[in-house]
Structure formats: C-alpha cells, structure tokens
Amino acid sequence: MARNARPTAAKREREKALIERRQQKAERRRTEKERKAGAAPSPDGVDPDIADIKLGPQPPAEWQIDE
C-alpha cells in the first residue's frame, strides 16, 4: 500500500506551535536579560541574593520549624 508522503495537518499545527513557543521563550529571555541589565546594583555593593547569608550552618526555614 502506498503511504501518504505529505505531512498531515496535525503535524503542521504541532510544528507551528513549537515555533511559536520558541519565539515566546526567546522573547521572555530577551526581556529578562534587559531587566537584569537595567537593574541598579545595591548601594553597599553587596549582592541582594546573598546579603542575608551568614557563614556556618544556616537557621532552619519557617516551614522546617516544628511547633
């Protein structure tokens, strides 16, 4: 039996959806990169992500504390 060599409509739709998701993802990455580049550094020169971390063992998080 002969097979249909042409891609089906469903495959074309899937491929279009993949391309659209890739474009959206690239746009999100681009905007996030611009946002991070435009963010002003903290005034005291300390990275805000690690500002509250102290040397040694860290205290347990709120969800880890048993009451």
PDB file of N, CA and C in Angstrom:
ATOM      1  N   MET A   1       0.835  -1.177   0.000  1.00  0.00           N
ATOM      2  CA  MET A   1       0.000   0.000   0.000  1.00  0.00           C
ATOM      3  C   MET A   1       0.883   1.246   0.000  1.00  0.00           C
ATOM      4  N   ALA A   2       0.433   2.218  -0.702  1.00  0.00           N
ATOM      5  CA  ALA A   2       1.177   3.477  -0.765  1.00  0.00           C
ATOM      6  C   ALA A   2       0.904   4.302   0.494  1.00  0.00           C
ATOM      7  N   ARG A   3       1.968   4.954   0.972  1.00  0.00           N
ATOM      8  CA  ARG A   3       1.813   5.806   2.163  1.00  0.00           C
ATOM      9  C   ARG A   3       1.750   7.260   1.719  1.00  0.00           C
ATOM     10  N   ASN A   4       1.083   8.043   2.505  1.00  0.00           N
ATOM     11  CA  ASN A   4       0.984   9.464   2.219  1.00  0.00           C
ATOM     12  C   ASN A   4       2.308  10.120   2.615  1.00  0.00           C
ATOM     13  N   ALA A   5       3.044  10.652   1.654  1.00  0.00           N
ATOM     14  CA  ALA A   5       4.355  11.234   1.905  1.00  0.00           C
ATOM     15  C   ALA A   5       4.256  12.662   2.440  1.00  0.00           C
ATOM     16  N   ARG A   6       3.097  13.268   2.308  1.00  0.00           N
ATOM     17  CA  ARG A   6       2.950  14.648   2.759  1.00  0.00           C
ATOM     18  C   ARG A   6       2.631  14.678   4.252  1.00  0.00           C
ATOM     19  N   PRO A   7       3.175  15.678   4.961  1.00  0.00           N
ATOM     20  CA  PRO A   7       2.856  15.769   6.389  1.00  0.00           C
ATOM     21  C   PRO A   7       1.374  16.091   6.598  1.00  0.00           C
ATOM     22  N   THR A   8       0.858  15.573   7.649  1.00  0.00           N
ATOM     23  CA  THR A   8      -0.557  15.786   7.926  1.00  0.00           C
ATOM     24  C   THR A   8      -0.772  17.181   8.510  1.00  0.00           C
ATOM     25  N   ALA A   9      -2.010  17.571   8.534  1.00  0.00           N
ATOM     26  CA  ALA A   9      -2.356  18.889   9.079  1.00  0.00           C
ATOM     27  C   ALA A   9      -2.002  18.954  10.564  1.00  0.00           C
ATOM     28  N   ALA A  10      -2.168  17.862  11.265  1.00  0.00           N
ATOM     29  CA  ALA A  10      -1.852  17.844  12.692  1.00  0.00           C
ATOM     30  C   ALA A  10      -0.362  18.090  12.922  1.00  0.00           C
ATOM     31  N   LYS A  11       0.475  17.513  12.081  1.00  0.00           N
ATOM     32  CA  LYS A  11       1.914  17.710  12.221  1.00  0.00           C
ATOM     33  C   LYS A  11       2.271  19.168  11.948  1.00  0.00           C
ATOM     34  N   ARG A  12       1.662  19.757  10.941  1.00  0.00           N
ATOM     35  CA  ARG A  12       1.927  21.171  10.642  1.00  0.00           C
ATOM     36  C   ARG A  12       1.518  22.048  11.823  1.00  0.00           C
ATOM     37  N   GLU A  13       0.387  21.743  12.439  1.00  0.00           N
ATOM     38  CA  GLU A  13      -0.074  22.509  13.603  1.00  0.00           C
ATOM     39  C   GLU A  13       0.905  22.354  14.771  1.00  0.00           C
ATOM     40  N   ARG A  14       1.385  21.139  15.003  1.00  0.00           N
ATOM     41  CA  ARG A  14       2.354  20.914  16.077  1.00  0.00           C
ATOM     42  C   ARG A  14       3.629  21.705  15.829  1.00  0.00           C
ATOM     43  N   GLU A  15       4.092  21.690  14.582  1.00  0.00           N
ATOM     44  CA  GLU A  15       5.316  22.414  14.245  1.00  0.00           C
ATOM     45  C   GLU A  15       5.126  23.918  14.411  1.00  0.00           C
ATOM     46  N   LYS A  16       3.972  24.434  14.019  1.00  0.00           N
ATOM     47  CA  LYS A  16       3.687  25.859  14.210  1.00  0.00           C
ATOM     48  C   LYS A  16       3.663  26.201  15.694  1.00  0.00           C
ATOM     49  N   ALA A  17       3.065  25.336  16.503  1.00  0.00           N
ATOM     50  CA  ALA A  17       3.014  25.570  17.947  1.00  0.00           C
ATOM     51  C   ALA A  17       4.416  25.562  18.542  1.00  0.00           C
ATOM     52  N   LEU A  18       5.264  24.643  18.090  1.00  0.00           N
ATOM     53  CA  LEU A  18       6.647  24.602  18.575  1.00  0.00           C
ATOM     54  C   LEU A  18       7.393  25.881  18.232  1.00  0.00           C
ATOM     55  N   ILE A  19       7.241  26.338  17.010  1.00  0.00           N
ATOM     56  CA  ILE A  19       7.912  27.567  16.581  1.00  0.00           C
ATOM     57  C   ILE A  19       7.417  28.752  17.410  1.00  0.00           C
ATOM     58  N   GLU A  20       6.125  28.809  17.632  1.00  0.00           N
ATOM     59  CA  GLU A  20       5.559  29.913  18.418  1.00  0.00           C
ATOM     60  C   GLU A  20       6.073  29.883  19.860  1.00  0.00           C
ATOM     61  N   ARG A  21       6.140  28.687  20.451  1.00  0.00           N
ATOM     62  CA  ARG A  21       6.665  28.578  21.822  1.00  0.00           C
ATOM     63  C   ARG A  21       8.125  28.989  21.882  1.00  0.00           C
ATOM     64  N   ARG A  22       8.903  28.610  20.880  1.00  0.00           N
ATOM     65  CA  ARG A  22      10.317  29.012  20.845  1.00  0.00           C
ATOM     66  C   ARG A  22      10.451  30.527  20.762  1.00  0.00           C
ATOM     67  N   GLN A  23       9.607  31.149  19.953  1.00  0.00           N
ATOM     68  CA  GLN A  23       9.655  32.606  19.829  1.00  0.00           C
ATOM     69  C   GLN A  23       9.263  33.282  21.138  1.00  0.00           C
ATOM     70  N   GLN A  24       8.227  32.762  21.801  1.00  0.00           N
ATOM     71  CA  GLN A  24       7.812  33.332  23.082  1.00  0.00           C
ATOM     72  C   GLN A  24       8.908  33.175  24.122  1.00  0.00           C
ATOM     73  N   LYS A  25       9.548  32.030  24.136  1.00  0.00           N
ATOM     74  CA  LYS A  25      10.617  31.774  25.086  1.00  0.00           C
ATOM     75  C   LYS A  25      11.797  32.716  24.830  1.00  0.00           C
ATOM     76  N   ALA A  26      12.143  32.917  23.559  1.00  0.00           N
ATOM     77  CA  ALA A  26      13.232  33.830  23.220  1.00  0.00           C
ATOM     78  C   ALA A  26      12.888  35.248  23.653  1.00  0.00           C
ATOM     79  N   GLU A  27      11.645  35.652  23.474  1.00  0.00           N
ATOM     80  CA  GLU A  27      11.218  36.991  23.895  1.00  0.00           C
ATOM     81  C   GLU A  27      11.298  37.134  25.409  1.00  0.00           C
ATOM     82  N   ARG A  28      10.857  36.102  26.150  1.00  0.00           N
ATOM     83  CA  ARG A  28      10.957  36.150  27.617  1.00  0.00           C
ATOM     84  C   ARG A  28      12.407  36.270  28.055  1.00  0.00           C
ATOM     85  N   ARG A  29      13.284  35.489  27.418  1.00  0.00           N
ATOM     86  CA  ARG A  29      14.706  35.555  27.753  1.00  0.00           C
ATOM     87  C   ARG A  29      15.266  36.945  27.479  1.00  0.00           C
ATOM     88  N   ARG A  30      14.879  37.524  26.333  1.00  0.00           N
ATOM     89  CA  ARG A  30      15.375  38.842  25.957  1.00  0.00           C
ATOM     90  C   ARG A  30      14.911  39.904  26.965  1.00  0.00           C
ATOM     91  N   THR A  31      13.636  39.872  27.336  1.00  0.00           N
ATOM     92  CA  THR A  31      13.131  40.871  28.288  1.00  0.00           C
ATOM     93  C   THR A  31      13.762  40.687  29.663  1.00  0.00           C
ATOM     94  N   GLU A  32      13.966  39.441  30.077  1.00  0.00           N
ATOM     95  CA  GLU A  32      14.599  39.185  31.375  1.00  0.00           C
ATOM     96  C   GLU A  32      16.049  39.685  31.370  1.00  0.00           C
ATOM     97  N   LYS A  33      16.732  39.474  30.268  1.00  0.00           N
ATOM     98  CA  LYS A  33      18.112  39.933  30.155  1.00  0.00           C
ATOM     99  C   LYS A  33      18.172  41.460  30.219  1.00  0.00           C
ATOM    100  N   GLU A  34      17.241  42.126  29.533  1.00  0.00           N
ATOM    101  CA  GLU A  34      17.189  43.589  29.575  1.00  0.00           C
ATOM    102  C   GLU A  34      16.860  44.081  30.981  1.00  0.00           C
ATOM    103  N   ARG A  35      15.940  43.389  31.663  1.00  0.00           N
ATOM    104  CA  ARG A  35      15.559  43.785  33.018  1.00  0.00           C
ATOM    105  C   ARG A  35      16.743  43.659  33.963  1.00  0.00           C
ATOM    106  N   LYS A  36      17.472  42.556  33.846  1.00  0.00           N
ATOM    107  CA  LYS A  36      18.624  42.352  34.715  1.00  0.00           C
ATOM    108  C   LYS A  36      19.734  43.350  34.416  1.00  0.00           C
ATOM    109  N   ALA A  37      19.912  43.680  33.149  1.00  0.00           N
ATOM    110  CA  ALA A  37      20.958  44.636  32.778  1.00  0.00           C
ATOM    111  C   ALA A  37      20.617  46.031  33.287  1.00  0.00           C
ATOM    112  N   GLY A  38      19.332  46.346  33.357  1.00  0.00           N
ATOM    113  CA  GLY A  38      18.902  47.672  33.803  1.00  0.00           C
ATOM    114  C   GLY A  38      18.795  47.797  35.310  1.00  0.00           C
ATOM    115  N   ALA A  39      18.892  46.697  36.024  1.00  0.00           N
ATOM    116  CA  ALA A  39      18.767  46.742  37.480  1.00  0.00           C
ATOM    117  C   ALA A  39      19.997  47.417  38.080  1.00  0.00           C
ATOM    118  N   ALA A  40      19.742  48.336  38.976  1.00  0.00           N
ATOM    119  CA  ALA A  40      20.840  49.059  39.618  1.00  0.00           C
ATOM    120  C   ALA A  40      21.457  48.182  40.706  1.00  0.00           C
ATOM    121  N   PRO A  41      22.772  48.189  40.830  1.00  0.00           N
ATOM    122  CA  PRO A  41      23.397  47.424  41.903  1.00  0.00           C
ATOM    123  C   PRO A  41      23.058  48.036  43.258  1.00  0.00           C
ATOM    124  N   SER A  42      23.114  47.231  44.283  1.00  0.00           N
ATOM    125  CA  SER A  42      22.783  47.737  45.601  1.00  0.00           C
ATOM    126  C   SER A  42      23.810  48.796  46.021  1.00  0.00           C
ATOM    127  N   PRO A  43      23.405  49.744  46.856  1.00  0.00           N
ATOM    128  CA  PRO A  43      24.291  50.849  47.192  1.00  0.00           C
ATOM    129  C   PRO A  43      25.549  50.431  47.954  1.00  0.00           C
ATOM    130  N   ASP A  44      25.466  49.390  48.764  1.00  0.00           N
ATOM    131  CA  ASP A  44      26.638  48.996  49.536  1.00  0.00           C
ATOM    132  C   ASP A  44      27.508  47.968  48.805  1.00  0.00           C
ATOM    133  N   GLY A  45      27.169  47.625  47.567  1.00  0.00           N
ATOM    134  CA  GLY A  45      27.983  46.725  46.767  1.00  0.00           C
ATOM    135  C   GLY A  45      27.792  45.254  47.084  1.00  0.00           C
ATOM    136  N   VAL A  46      26.763  44.907  47.849  1.00  0.00           N
ATOM    137  CA  VAL A  46      26.506  43.517  48.216  1.00  0.00           C
ATOM    138  C   VAL A  46      25.404  42.978  47.316  1.00  0.00           C
ATOM    139  N   ASP A  47      25.602  41.780  46.836  1.00  0.00           N
ATOM    140  CA  ASP A  47      24.593  41.130  46.012  1.00  0.00           C
ATOM    141  C   ASP A  47      23.358  40.873  46.871  1.00  0.00           C
ATOM    142  N   PRO A  48      22.171  41.361  46.467  1.00  0.00           N
ATOM    143  CA  PRO A  48      20.978  41.186  47.299  1.00  0.00           C
ATOM    144  C   PRO A  48      20.557  39.726  47.465  1.00  0.00           C
ATOM    145  N   ASP A  49      20.974  38.849  46.536  1.00  0.00           N
ATOM    146  CA  ASP A  49      20.614  37.438  46.656  1.00  0.00           C
ATOM    147  C   ASP A  49      21.335  36.763  47.818  1.00  0.00           C
ATOM    148  N   ILE A  50      22.516  37.261  48.177  1.00  0.00           N
ATOM    149  CA  ILE A  50      23.291  36.614  49.241  1.00  0.00           C
ATOM    150  C   ILE A  50      23.525  37.539  50.433  1.00  0.00           C
ATOM    151  N   ALA A  51      22.794  38.640  50.504  1.00  0.00           N
ATOM    152  CA  ALA A  51      23.012  39.634  51.551  1.00  0.00           C
ATOM    153  C   ALA A  51      22.730  39.073  52.949  1.00  0.00           C
ATOM    154  N   ASP A  52      21.751  38.195  53.096  1.00  0.00           N
ATOM    155  CA  ASP A  52      21.353  37.702  54.419  1.00  0.00           C
ATOM    156  C   ASP A  52      22.016  36.392  54.804  1.00  0.00           C
ATOM    157  N   ILE A  53      22.896  35.870  53.988  1.00  0.00           N
ATOM    158  CA  ILE A  53      23.537  34.595  54.282  1.00  0.00           C
ATOM    159  C   ILE A  53      24.743  34.841  55.189  1.00  0.00           C
ATOM    160  N   LYS A  54      24.832  34.025  56.223  1.00  0.00           N
ATOM    161  CA  LYS A  54      25.951  34.120  57.164  1.00  0.00           C
ATOM    162  C   LYS A  54      26.808  32.867  57.032  1.00  0.00           C
ATOM    163  N   LEU A  55      28.054  32.962  57.446  1.00  0.00           N
ATOM    164  CA  LEU A  55      28.938  31.803  57.419  1.00  0.00           C
ATOM    165  C   LEU A  55      28.449  30.762  58.416  1.00  0.00           C
ATOM    166  N   GLY A  56      28.693  29.519  58.109  1.00  0.00           N
ATOM    167  CA  GLY A  56      28.317  28.438  59.006  1.00  0.00           C
ATOM    168  C   GLY A  56      26.946  27.891  58.682  1.00  0.00           C
ATOM    169  N   PRO A  57      26.435  27.055  59.577  1.00  0.00           N
ATOM    170  CA  PRO A  57      25.122  26.448  59.331  1.00  0.00           C
ATOM    171  C   PRO A  57      24.032  27.520  59.309  1.00  0.00           C
ATOM    172  N   GLN A  58      23.105  27.356  58.407  1.00  0.00           N
ATOM    173  CA  GLN A  58      22.014  28.309  58.270  1.00  0.00           C
ATOM    174  C   GLN A  58      20.871  27.903  59.191  1.00  0.00           C
ATOM    175  N   PRO A  59      20.142  28.883  59.727  1.00  0.00           N
ATOM    176  CA  PRO A  59      18.988  28.540  60.568  1.00  0.00           C
ATOM    177  C   PRO A  59      17.909  27.861  59.727  1.00  0.00           C
ATOM    178  N   PRO A  60      17.086  27.019  60.333  1.00  0.00           N
ATOM    179  CA  PRO A  60      16.041  26.341  59.568  1.00  0.00           C
ATOM    180  C   PRO A  60      15.021  27.347  59.030  1.00  0.00           C
ATOM    181  N   ALA A  61      14.451  27.015  57.904  1.00  0.00           N
ATOM    182  CA  ALA A  61      13.417  27.846  57.307  1.00  0.00           C
ATOM    183  C   ALA A  61      12.147  27.743  58.141  1.00  0.00           C
ATOM    184  N   GLU A  62      11.218  28.682  57.903  1.00  0.00           N
ATOM    185  CA  GLU A  62       9.971  28.702  58.681  1.00  0.00           C
ATOM    186  C   GLU A  62       9.206  27.391  58.563  1.00  0.00           C
ATOM    187  N   TRP A  63       9.201  26.788  57.378  1.00  0.00           N
ATOM    188  CA  TRP A  63       8.440  25.565  57.183  1.00  0.00           C
ATOM    189  C   TRP A  63       9.103  24.363  57.829  1.00  0.00           C
ATOM    190  N   GLN A  64      10.381  24.494  58.241  1.00  0.00           N
ATOM    191  CA  GLN A  64      11.086  23.386  58.860  1.00  0.00           C
ATOM    192  C   GLN A  64      10.960  23.381  60.390  1.00  0.00           C
ATOM    193  N   ILE A  65      10.482  24.464  60.946  1.00  0.00           N
ATOM    194  CA  ILE A  65      10.375  24.587  62.405  1.00  0.00           C
ATOM    195  C   ILE A  65       9.141  23.849  62.890  1.00  0.00           C
ATOM    196  N   ASP A  66       9.324  22.919  63.847  1.00  0.00           N
ATOM    197  CA  ASP A  66       8.209  22.206  64.441  1.00  0.00           C
ATOM    198  C   ASP A  66       7.671  23.016  65.604  1.00  0.00           C
ATOM    199  N   GLU A  67       6.377  23.044  65.708  1.00  0.00           N
ATOM    200  CA  GLU A  67       5.767  23.797  66.808  1.00  0.00           C
ATOM    201  C   GLU A  67       5.271  22.874  67.881  1.00  0.00           C
TER     202      GLU A  67
END
